[in-house]
């Protein structure tokens, strides 16, 4: 009887510990079977590309809130491709409770991972990281330019006449200067625009929202009040800052075919 009593007490303690652990997380927890499937799919990410990768990540998105704990853990994965992919999934889920974790992850040493994290945070309403995306508008890779601009458009409703395929360097820089002036006015960091203007010998620009998607002030954008159904775009690649499959129905290359590679996070 004594042995049975001790066994019952240990079982009750284990039960209480499990319940306490689960209740400490603000997110829905998957059952053991689903948790195993989520982990398996995360570990497949380094070996997947383009459509295969996109389908895998979309499955994780469709799984919903119960995938969030694994995605947060994936932000610390040793493989940069996994880290950027998990950031992308969290961006698609748009659960603002994950913003502090994403902000903490911005300490990542991989530029492409940081770019993906910045894209995710900006589209979730944290405009602090907009300068990283604006700087990406000058990238040598058209896929990076496309993805950075799409995130900025989604978050602000502006485009300032920017075209990631513009063949005129001067015209593109004028548009980038308008974006920089917008940020300078929004944040008070006047040097962000002025240094760029002097560096490229550009005339002062009026930061009018040329080609504006919909009327919206920078302040509105900063508080995350806008929700837009932008095309789905896959995360950035840890080797090439180029889109694996930038968008369904959109092509940053402008030639009617999808472009290989990925942007931002690495």
Protein backbone atom coordinates (compact mmCIF):
# COMPACT_ATOMS: atom_id res chain seq x y z
CA UNK A 1 0.00 0.00 0.00
CA UNK A 2 2.81 2.35 0.86
CA UNK A 3 4.47 1.73 -2.50
CA UNK A 4 1.19 2.36 -4.32
CA UNK A 5 0.69 5.57 -2.38
CA UNK A 6 4.17 6.80 -3.30
CA UNK A 7 3.59 5.90 -6.96
CA UNK A 8 0.29 7.78 -6.98
CA UNK A 9 1.96 10.83 -5.46
CA UNK A 10 4.73 10.82 -8.07
CA UNK A 11 2.17 10.48 -10.87
CA UNK A 12 0.19 13.40 -9.48
CA UNK A 13 3.37 15.49 -9.24
CA UNK A 14 4.31 14.70 -12.84
CA UNK A 15 0.80 15.64 -13.95
CA UNK A 16 0.98 18.94 -12.11
CA UNK A 17 4.41 19.68 -13.61
CA UNK A 18 3.17 19.01 -17.15
CA UNK A 19 0.09 21.16 -16.63
CA UNK A 20 2.21 23.94 -15.19
CA UNK A 21 4.63 23.81 -18.14
CA UNK A 22 1.84 23.95 -20.70
CA UNK A 23 -0.01 26.72 -18.89
CA UNK A 24 3.20 28.81 -18.79
CA UNK A 25 3.08 29.19 -22.57
CA UNK A 26 0.61 31.72 -23.95
CA UNK A 27 0.25 29.70 -27.15
CA UNK A 28 -1.83 26.65 -27.97
CA UNK A 29 0.29 23.52 -27.58
CA UNK A 30 0.19 20.72 -30.18
CA UNK A 31 -0.39 17.13 -29.14
CA UNK A 32 2.58 14.76 -29.29
CA UNK A 33 1.76 13.53 -32.80
CA UNK A 34 1.42 17.03 -34.24
CA UNK A 35 4.51 18.24 -32.37
CA UNK A 36 6.53 15.47 -33.98
CA UNK A 37 5.26 16.37 -37.46
CA UNK A 38 6.05 20.05 -36.94
CA UNK A 39 9.58 19.23 -35.78
CA UNK A 40 10.10 16.92 -38.75
CA UNK A 41 9.06 19.63 -41.18
CA UNK A 42 11.34 22.20 -39.56
CA UNK A 43 14.32 19.87 -39.89
CA UNK A 44 13.54 19.39 -43.61
CA UNK A 45 13.86 23.09 -44.38
CA UNK A 46 17.63 23.13 -45.08
CA UNK A 47 17.19 20.55 -47.85
CA UNK A 48 14.20 22.12 -49.59
CA UNK A 49 13.99 24.75 -52.32
CA UNK A 50 11.39 26.77 -54.21
CA UNK A 51 8.01 25.07 -54.54
CA UNK A 52 8.87 22.26 -52.13
CA UNK A 53 10.00 24.73 -49.49
CA UNK A 54 7.01 26.98 -50.05
CA UNK A 55 4.55 24.11 -49.66
CA UNK A 56 6.24 23.01 -46.45
CA UNK A 57 6.14 26.50 -44.97
CA UNK A 58 2.54 27.02 -46.01
CA UNK A 59 1.64 23.81 -44.18
CA UNK A 60 3.24 25.25 -41.05
CA UNK A 61 1.27 28.46 -41.49
CA UNK A 62 -2.00 26.58 -41.98
CA UNK A 63 -1.34 24.58 -38.82
CA UNK A 64 -1.94 27.81 -36.95
CA UNK A 65 -1.11 28.90 -33.43
CA UNK A 66 0.12 25.50 -32.28
CA UNK A 67 3.12 25.83 -34.58
CA UNK A 68 4.28 29.07 -32.93
CA UNK A 69 6.34 27.47 -30.11
CA UNK A 70 8.40 25.52 -32.66
CA UNK A 71 8.82 28.61 -34.85
CA UNK A 72 10.08 30.63 -31.89
CA UNK A 73 12.52 27.84 -31.11
CA UNK A 74 13.55 27.80 -34.77
CA UNK A 75 14.72 31.41 -34.49
CA UNK A 76 17.68 29.98 -32.53
CA UNK A 77 18.39 27.10 -34.95
CA UNK A 78 22.01 26.64 -36.05
CA UNK A 79 20.99 26.80 -39.72
CA UNK A 80 20.32 30.36 -40.98
CA UNK A 81 17.84 29.08 -43.57
CA UNK A 82 15.74 27.58 -40.77
CA UNK A 83 15.91 30.81 -38.78
CA UNK A 84 14.77 32.97 -41.69
CA UNK A 85 12.05 30.47 -42.65
CA UNK A 86 10.67 30.40 -39.11
CA UNK A 87 10.64 34.21 -39.10
CA UNK A 88 8.65 34.13 -42.35
CA UNK A 89 6.10 31.69 -40.93
CA UNK A 90 5.65 33.91 -37.86
CA UNK A 91 5.14 36.86 -40.17
CA UNK A 92 2.38 35.01 -42.00
CA UNK A 93 0.70 34.06 -38.70
CA UNK A 94 0.79 37.72 -37.59
CA UNK A 95 0.45 36.95 -33.90
CA UNK A 96 1.65 40.15 -32.25
CA UNK A 97 2.53 38.27 -29.09
CA UNK A 98 5.61 37.03 -30.95
CA UNK A 99 6.97 40.54 -31.61
CA UNK A 100 9.27 40.61 -28.53
CA UNK A 101 10.82 37.28 -29.62
CA UNK A 102 11.34 38.60 -33.15
CA UNK A 103 12.89 41.81 -31.81
CA UNK A 104 15.27 39.78 -29.66
CA UNK A 105 16.21 37.68 -32.70
CA UNK A 106 17.31 40.84 -34.56
CA UNK A 107 20.68 40.32 -32.87
CA UNK A 108 21.30 37.56 -35.42
CA UNK A 109 24.71 37.82 -37.08
CA UNK A 110 23.46 36.72 -40.52
CA UNK A 111 22.40 39.70 -42.69
CA UNK A 112 19.82 37.68 -44.60
CA UNK A 113 18.17 36.43 -41.40
CA UNK A 114 18.05 39.98 -40.07
CA UNK A 115 16.45 41.14 -43.32
CA UNK A 116 13.72 38.51 -43.02
CA UNK A 117 13.14 39.43 -39.38
CA UNK A 118 12.91 43.10 -40.35
CA UNK A 119 10.38 42.29 -43.08
CA UNK A 120 8.31 40.32 -40.60
CA UNK A 121 8.40 42.99 -37.91
CA UNK A 122 7.54 45.86 -40.26
CA UNK A 123 4.60 44.02 -41.80
CA UNK A 124 3.39 43.27 -38.24
CA UNK A 125 3.40 46.98 -37.40
CA UNK A 126 6.81 47.51 -35.78
CA UNK A 127 8.14 50.28 -38.03
CA UNK A 128 11.42 50.56 -36.09
CA UNK A 129 13.11 48.31 -38.61
CA UNK A 130 12.01 50.22 -41.73
CA UNK A 131 15.52 51.64 -42.38
CA UNK A 132 16.84 48.12 -42.95
CA UNK A 133 14.25 47.59 -45.68
CA UNK A 134 14.79 51.04 -47.20
CA UNK A 135 18.52 50.28 -47.42
CA UNK A 136 17.58 47.04 -49.19
CA UNK A 137 15.98 49.09 -51.98
CA UNK A 138 19.51 49.75 -53.26
CA UNK A 139 20.50 46.07 -53.31
CA UNK A 140 22.27 44.76 -56.40
CA UNK A 141 19.79 41.86 -56.46
CA UNK A 142 16.39 42.64 -57.90
CA UNK A 143 14.74 40.00 -55.71
CA UNK A 144 15.93 41.75 -52.55
CA UNK A 145 14.69 45.09 -53.87
CA UNK A 146 11.31 43.54 -54.68
CA UNK A 147 10.81 41.90 -51.28
CA UNK A 148 11.91 44.96 -49.30
CA UNK A 149 9.62 47.23 -51.28
CA UNK A 150 6.63 44.87 -50.98
CA UNK A 151 7.03 44.83 -47.20
CA UNK A 152 7.23 48.62 -47.05
CA UNK A 153 4.19 49.02 -49.31
CA UNK A 154 2.19 46.55 -47.24
CA UNK A 155 3.04 48.36 -44.01
CA UNK A 156 2.61 51.97 -45.16
CA UNK A 157 0.39 52.05 -48.24
CA UNK A 158 3.02 54.13 -50.11
CA UNK A 159 5.41 53.31 -52.95
CA UNK A 160 6.89 56.75 -53.82
CA UNK A 161 7.20 55.77 -57.47
CA UNK A 162 9.78 53.06 -56.73
CA UNK A 163 10.25 50.33 -59.35
CA UNK A 164 12.65 47.51 -58.46
CA UNK A 165 13.28 46.91 -62.19
CA UNK A 166 13.99 50.54 -63.07
CA UNK A 167 16.94 50.68 -65.48
CA UNK A 168 17.78 54.26 -64.52
CA UNK A 169 19.98 54.38 -61.44
CA UNK A 170 19.20 58.06 -60.96
CA UNK A 171 15.42 57.55 -61.09
CA UNK A 172 15.65 54.67 -58.65
CA UNK A 173 17.78 56.68 -56.25
CA UNK A 174 15.31 59.55 -56.40
CA UNK A 175 12.56 57.14 -55.32
CA UNK A 176 14.78 55.72 -52.58
CA UNK A 177 15.46 59.28 -51.39
CA UNK A 178 11.69 59.83 -51.10
CA UNK A 179 11.48 56.71 -48.94
CA UNK A 180 14.37 58.00 -46.83
CA UNK A 181 12.70 61.41 -46.49
CA UNK A 182 9.51 59.68 -45.39
CA UNK A 183 11.44 57.87 -42.64
CA UNK A 184 13.27 61.07 -41.65
CA UNK A 185 9.94 62.85 -41.19
CA UNK A 186 8.40 59.89 -39.37
CA UNK A 187 11.32 59.23 -37.01
CA UNK A 188 13.03 62.61 -36.79
CA UNK A 189 16.30 61.14 -38.12
CA UNK A 190 17.07 63.82 -40.71
CA UNK A 191 20.52 62.41 -41.45
CA UNK A 192 19.02 59.23 -42.91
CA UNK A 193 17.86 61.20 -45.96
CA UNK A 194 20.44 63.99 -46.04
CA UNK A 195 23.49 61.70 -46.08
CA UNK A 196 22.03 59.68 -48.96
CA UNK A 197 21.17 62.87 -50.86
CA UNK A 198 24.73 64.19 -50.56
CA UNK A 199 26.27 60.80 -51.31
CA UNK A 200 24.47 60.53 -54.66
CA UNK A 201 24.37 64.26 -55.43
CA UNK A 202 20.58 64.31 -55.63
CA UNK A 203 18.30 67.31 -55.64
CA UNK A 204 15.96 67.67 -52.64
CA UNK A 205 12.73 65.75 -53.23
CA UNK A 206 9.22 66.30 -52.02
CA UNK A 207 8.28 63.03 -50.36
CA UNK A 208 4.86 62.96 -51.94
CA UNK A 209 3.41 59.44 -51.99
CA UNK A 210 3.62 59.00 -55.75
CA UNK A 211 1.70 55.89 -56.72
CA UNK A 212 0.23 55.66 -53.24
CA UNK A 213 -1.74 52.45 -52.75
CA UNK A 214 -4.27 53.92 -50.38
CA UNK A 215 -4.41 57.06 -48.25
CA UNK A 216 -2.63 56.45 -44.98
CA UNK A 217 -0.35 58.51 -42.80
CA UNK A 218 2.99 57.34 -41.50
CA UNK A 219 1.57 57.50 -38.00
CA UNK A 220 -1.22 55.10 -38.98
CA UNK A 221 1.35 52.75 -40.41
CA UNK A 222 3.36 52.83 -37.21
CA UNK A 223 0.54 51.63 -35.02
CA UNK A 224 -0.20 48.63 -37.18
CA UNK A 225 -3.74 49.74 -38.04
CA UNK A 226 -3.54 48.63 -41.66
CA UNK A 227 -4.26 45.06 -42.72
CA UNK A 228 -3.63 44.27 -46.37
CA UNK A 229 -3.88 40.96 -48.13
CA UNK A 230 -0.54 41.08 -49.89
CA UNK A 231 0.63 38.22 -52.10
CA UNK A 232 2.34 35.38 -50.27
CA UNK A 233 6.12 35.62 -50.51
CA UNK A 234 8.60 33.06 -49.31
CA UNK A 235 11.39 33.88 -46.86
CA UNK A 236 14.88 34.99 -47.65
CA UNK A 237 17.66 32.53 -48.40
CA UNK A 238 20.69 32.17 -46.17
CA UNK A 239 23.08 32.06 -49.13
CA UNK A 240 21.57 34.29 -51.80
CA UNK A 241 19.53 37.40 -51.03
CA UNK A 242 16.98 36.38 -53.68
CA UNK A 243 13.42 35.14 -53.62
CA UNK A 244 12.84 31.40 -53.86
CA UNK A 245 9.39 32.08 -55.28
CA UNK A 246 8.68 35.70 -54.48
CA UNK A 247 4.93 35.66 -54.92
CA UNK A 248 2.07 33.73 -56.38
CA UNK A 249 1.00 35.77 -59.38
CA UNK A 250 3.96 38.16 -59.11
CA UNK A 251 7.43 37.95 -60.55
CA UNK A 252 10.20 40.29 -59.42
CA UNK A 253 12.23 39.35 -62.45
CA UNK A 254 9.58 40.81 -64.73
CA UNK A 255 9.88 38.05 -67.31
CA UNK A 256 6.83 35.93 -66.52
CA UNK A 257 8.79 33.24 -64.68
CA UNK A 258 9.62 32.79 -61.01
CA UNK A 259 13.13 33.66 -59.86
CA UNK A 260 15.28 31.22 -57.95
CA UNK A 261 17.04 32.06 -54.73
CA UNK A 262 15.75 34.05 -51.71
CA UNK A 263 16.22 37.42 -50.04
CA UNK A 264 16.91 39.16 -46.93
CA UNK A 265 17.49 36.99 -43.96
CA UNK A 266 20.82 35.76 -44.94
